[in-house]
C-alpha cells in the first residue's frame, strides 16, 4: 500500500492547514506540492 490517500497527507498538516490543504488537493487534485 504505497498509495497514500488524501487523508494521510492531510493528517501530516495541522488542523487549520488540513481544511485548506484538503480543499486544494481535492479541487486541484494535486500532490503534496499542491499544498
PDB file of N, CA and C in Angstrom:
ATOM      1  N   UNK A   1       0.854  -1.212   0.000  1.00  0.00           N
ATOM      2  CA  UNK A   1       0.000   0.000   0.000  1.00  0.00           C
ATOM      3  C   UNK A   1       0.880   1.248   0.000  1.00  0.00           C
ATOM      4  N   UNK A   2       1.532   1.494  -1.111  1.00  0.00           N
ATOM      5  CA  UNK A   2       2.391   2.677  -1.197  1.00  0.00           C
ATOM      6  C   UNK A   2       1.591   3.887  -1.659  1.00  0.00           C
ATOM      7  N   UNK A   3       0.303   3.648  -1.975  1.00  0.00           N
ATOM      8  CA  UNK A   3      -0.539   4.747  -2.450  1.00  0.00           C
ATOM      9  C   UNK A   3      -1.146   5.483  -1.258  1.00  0.00           C
ATOM     10  N   UNK A   4      -0.621   6.676  -0.972  1.00  0.00           N
ATOM     11  CA  UNK A   4      -1.128   7.455   0.163  1.00  0.00           C
ATOM     12  C   UNK A   4      -2.398   8.206  -0.220  1.00  0.00           C
ATOM     13  N   UNK A   5      -3.390   8.113   0.648  1.00  0.00           N
ATOM     14  CA  UNK A   5      -4.652   8.809   0.373  1.00  0.00           C
ATOM     15  C   UNK A   5      -4.556  10.253   0.821  1.00  0.00           C
ATOM     16  N   UNK A   6      -5.562  11.047   0.470  1.00  0.00           N
ATOM     17  CA  UNK A   6      -5.576  12.465   0.852  1.00  0.00           C
ATOM     18  C   UNK A   6      -5.604  12.590   2.366  1.00  0.00           C
ATOM     19  N   UNK A   7      -6.310  11.690   3.033  1.00  0.00           N
ATOM     20  CA  UNK A   7      -6.413  11.736   4.494  1.00  0.00           C
ATOM     21  C   UNK A   7      -5.032  11.642   5.135  1.00  0.00           C
ATOM     22  N   UNK A   8      -4.196  10.728   4.623  1.00  0.00           N
ATOM     23  CA  UNK A   8      -2.851  10.557   5.170  1.00  0.00           C
ATOM     24  C   UNK A   8      -2.046  11.851   5.054  1.00  0.00           C
ATOM     25  N   UNK A   9      -2.108  12.480   3.887  1.00  0.00           N
ATOM     26  CA  UNK A   9      -1.373  13.731   3.660  1.00  0.00           C
ATOM     27  C   UNK A   9      -1.918  14.836   4.557  1.00  0.00           C
ATOM     28  N   UNK A  10      -3.236  14.905   4.648  1.00  0.00           N
ATOM     29  CA  UNK A  10      -3.865  15.942   5.468  1.00  0.00           C
ATOM     30  C   UNK A  10      -3.544  15.735   6.941  1.00  0.00           C
ATOM     31  N   UNK A  11      -3.356  14.492   7.341  1.00  0.00           N
ATOM     32  CA  UNK A  11      -3.052  14.206   8.749  1.00  0.00           C
ATOM     33  C   UNK A  11      -1.694  14.767   9.130  1.00  0.00           C
ATOM     34  N   UNK A  12      -0.796  14.885   8.162  1.00  0.00           N
ATOM     35  CA  UNK A  12       0.537  15.400   8.447  1.00  0.00           C
ATOM     36  C   UNK A  12       0.483  16.896   8.775  1.00  0.00           C
ATOM     37  N   UNK A  13      -0.417  17.600   8.150  1.00  0.00           N
ATOM     38  CA  UNK A  13      -0.527  19.042   8.395  1.00  0.00           C
ATOM     39  C   UNK A  13      -1.395  19.318   9.613  1.00  0.00           C
ATOM     40  N   UNK A  14      -1.422  20.565  10.059  1.00  0.00           N
ATOM     41  CA  UNK A  14      -2.213  20.925  11.233  1.00  0.00           C
ATOM     42  C   UNK A  14      -3.693  20.960  10.894  1.00  0.00           C
ATOM     43  N   UNK A  15      -4.519  21.176  11.905  1.00  0.00           N
ATOM     44  CA  UNK A  15      -5.969  21.186  11.699  1.00  0.00           C
ATOM     45  C   UNK A  15      -6.373  22.333  10.779  1.00  0.00           C
ATOM     46  N   UNK A  16      -5.829  23.518  11.042  1.00  0.00           N
ATOM     47  CA  UNK A  16      -6.168  24.691  10.219  1.00  0.00           C
ATOM     48  C   UNK A  16      -5.746  24.454   8.778  1.00  0.00           C
ATOM     49  N   UNK A  17      -4.510  24.023   8.602  1.00  0.00           N
ATOM     50  CA  UNK A  17      -3.982  23.765   7.260  1.00  0.00           C
ATOM     51  C   UNK A  17      -4.688  22.576   6.631  1.00  0.00           C
ATOM     52  N   UNK A  18      -5.220  21.669   7.474  1.00  0.00           N
ATOM     53  CA  UNK A  18      -5.898  20.467   6.979  1.00  0.00           C
ATOM     54  C   UNK A  18      -7.027  20.832   6.038  1.00  0.00           C
ATOM     55  N   UNK A  19      -7.864  21.789   6.445  1.00  0.00           N
ATOM     56  CA  UNK A  19      -9.009  22.186   5.606  1.00  0.00           C
ATOM     57  C   UNK A  19      -8.522  22.800   4.297  1.00  0.00           C
ATOM     58  N   UNK A  20      -7.559  23.696   4.382  1.00  0.00           N
ATOM     59  CA  UNK A  20      -7.046  24.363   3.180  1.00  0.00           C
ATOM     60  C   UNK A  20      -6.352  23.358   2.271  1.00  0.00           C
ATOM     61  N   UNK A  21      -5.461  22.568   2.868  1.00  0.00           N
ATOM     62  CA  UNK A  21      -4.698  21.588   2.083  1.00  0.00           C
ATOM     63  C   UNK A  21      -5.641  20.601   1.418  1.00  0.00           C
ATOM     64  N   UNK A  22      -6.584  20.068   2.172  1.00  0.00           N
ATOM     65  CA  UNK A  22      -7.529  19.093   1.622  1.00  0.00           C
ATOM     66  C   UNK A  22      -8.334  19.722   0.493  1.00  0.00           C
ATOM     67  N   UNK A  23      -8.821  20.929   0.712  1.00  0.00           N
ATOM     68  CA  UNK A  23      -9.640  21.593  -0.313  1.00  0.00           C
ATOM     69  C   UNK A  23      -8.849  21.739  -1.610  1.00  0.00           C
ATOM     70  N   UNK A  24      -7.595  22.141  -1.487  1.00  0.00           N
ATOM     71  CA  UNK A  24      -6.754  22.325  -2.673  1.00  0.00           C
ATOM     72  C   UNK A  24      -6.478  20.989  -3.346  1.00  0.00           C
ATOM     73  N   UNK A  25      -6.140  19.986  -2.530  1.00  0.00           N
ATOM     74  CA  UNK A  25      -5.821  18.664  -3.088  1.00  0.00           C
ATOM     75  C   UNK A  25      -7.030  18.068  -3.780  1.00  0.00           C
ATOM     76  N   UNK A  26      -8.180  18.174  -3.150  1.00  0.00           N
ATOM     77  CA  UNK A  26      -9.392  17.583  -3.729  1.00  0.00           C
ATOM     78  C   UNK A  26      -9.819  18.357  -4.965  1.00  0.00           C
ATOM     79  N   UNK A  27      -9.770  19.694  -4.876  1.00  0.00           N
ATOM     80  CA  UNK A  27     -10.214  20.517  -6.017  1.00  0.00           C
ATOM     81  C   UNK A  27      -9.208  20.448  -7.159  1.00  0.00           C
ATOM     82  N   UNK A  28      -7.970  20.744  -6.863  1.00  0.00           N
ATOM     83  CA  UNK A  28      -6.934  20.751  -7.898  1.00  0.00           C
ATOM     84  C   UNK A  28      -6.434  19.339  -8.178  1.00  0.00           C
ATOM     85  N   UNK A  29      -6.687  18.430  -7.235  1.00  0.00           N
ATOM     86  CA  UNK A  29      -6.220  17.038  -7.380  1.00  0.00           C
ATOM     87  C   UNK A  29      -4.710  17.000  -7.543  1.00  0.00           C
ATOM     88  N   UNK A  30      -4.032  17.886  -6.803  1.00  0.00           N
ATOM     89  CA  UNK A  30      -2.573  17.941  -6.907  1.00  0.00           C
ATOM     90  C   UNK A  30      -1.923  17.091  -5.820  1.00  0.00           C
ATOM     91  N   UNK A  31      -0.636  16.918  -5.899  1.00  0.00           N
ATOM     92  CA  UNK A  31       0.088  16.121  -4.908  1.00  0.00           C
ATOM     93  C   UNK A  31       0.413  16.992  -3.693  1.00  0.00           C
ATOM     94  N   UNK A  32       1.330  16.531  -2.848  1.00  0.00           N
ATOM     95  CA  UNK A  32       1.693  17.296  -1.650  1.00  0.00           C
ATOM     96  C   UNK A  32       2.205  18.678  -2.040  1.00  0.00           C
ATOM     97  N   UNK A  33       2.848  18.777  -3.184  1.00  0.00           N
ATOM     98  CA  UNK A  33       3.389  20.062  -3.642  1.00  0.00           C
ATOM     99  C   UNK A  33       2.268  21.072  -3.818  1.00  0.00           C
ATOM    100  N   UNK A  34       1.053  20.586  -4.025  1.00  0.00           N
ATOM    101  CA  UNK A  34      -0.086  21.471  -4.220  1.00  0.00           C
ATOM    102  C   UNK A  34      -0.355  22.295  -2.978  1.00  0.00           C
ATOM    103  N   UNK A  35       0.040  21.731  -1.802  1.00  0.00           N
ATOM    104  CA  UNK A  35      -0.214  22.450  -0.564  1.00  0.00           C
ATOM    105  C   UNK A  35       0.656  23.700  -0.524  1.00  0.00           C
TER     106      UNK A  35
END
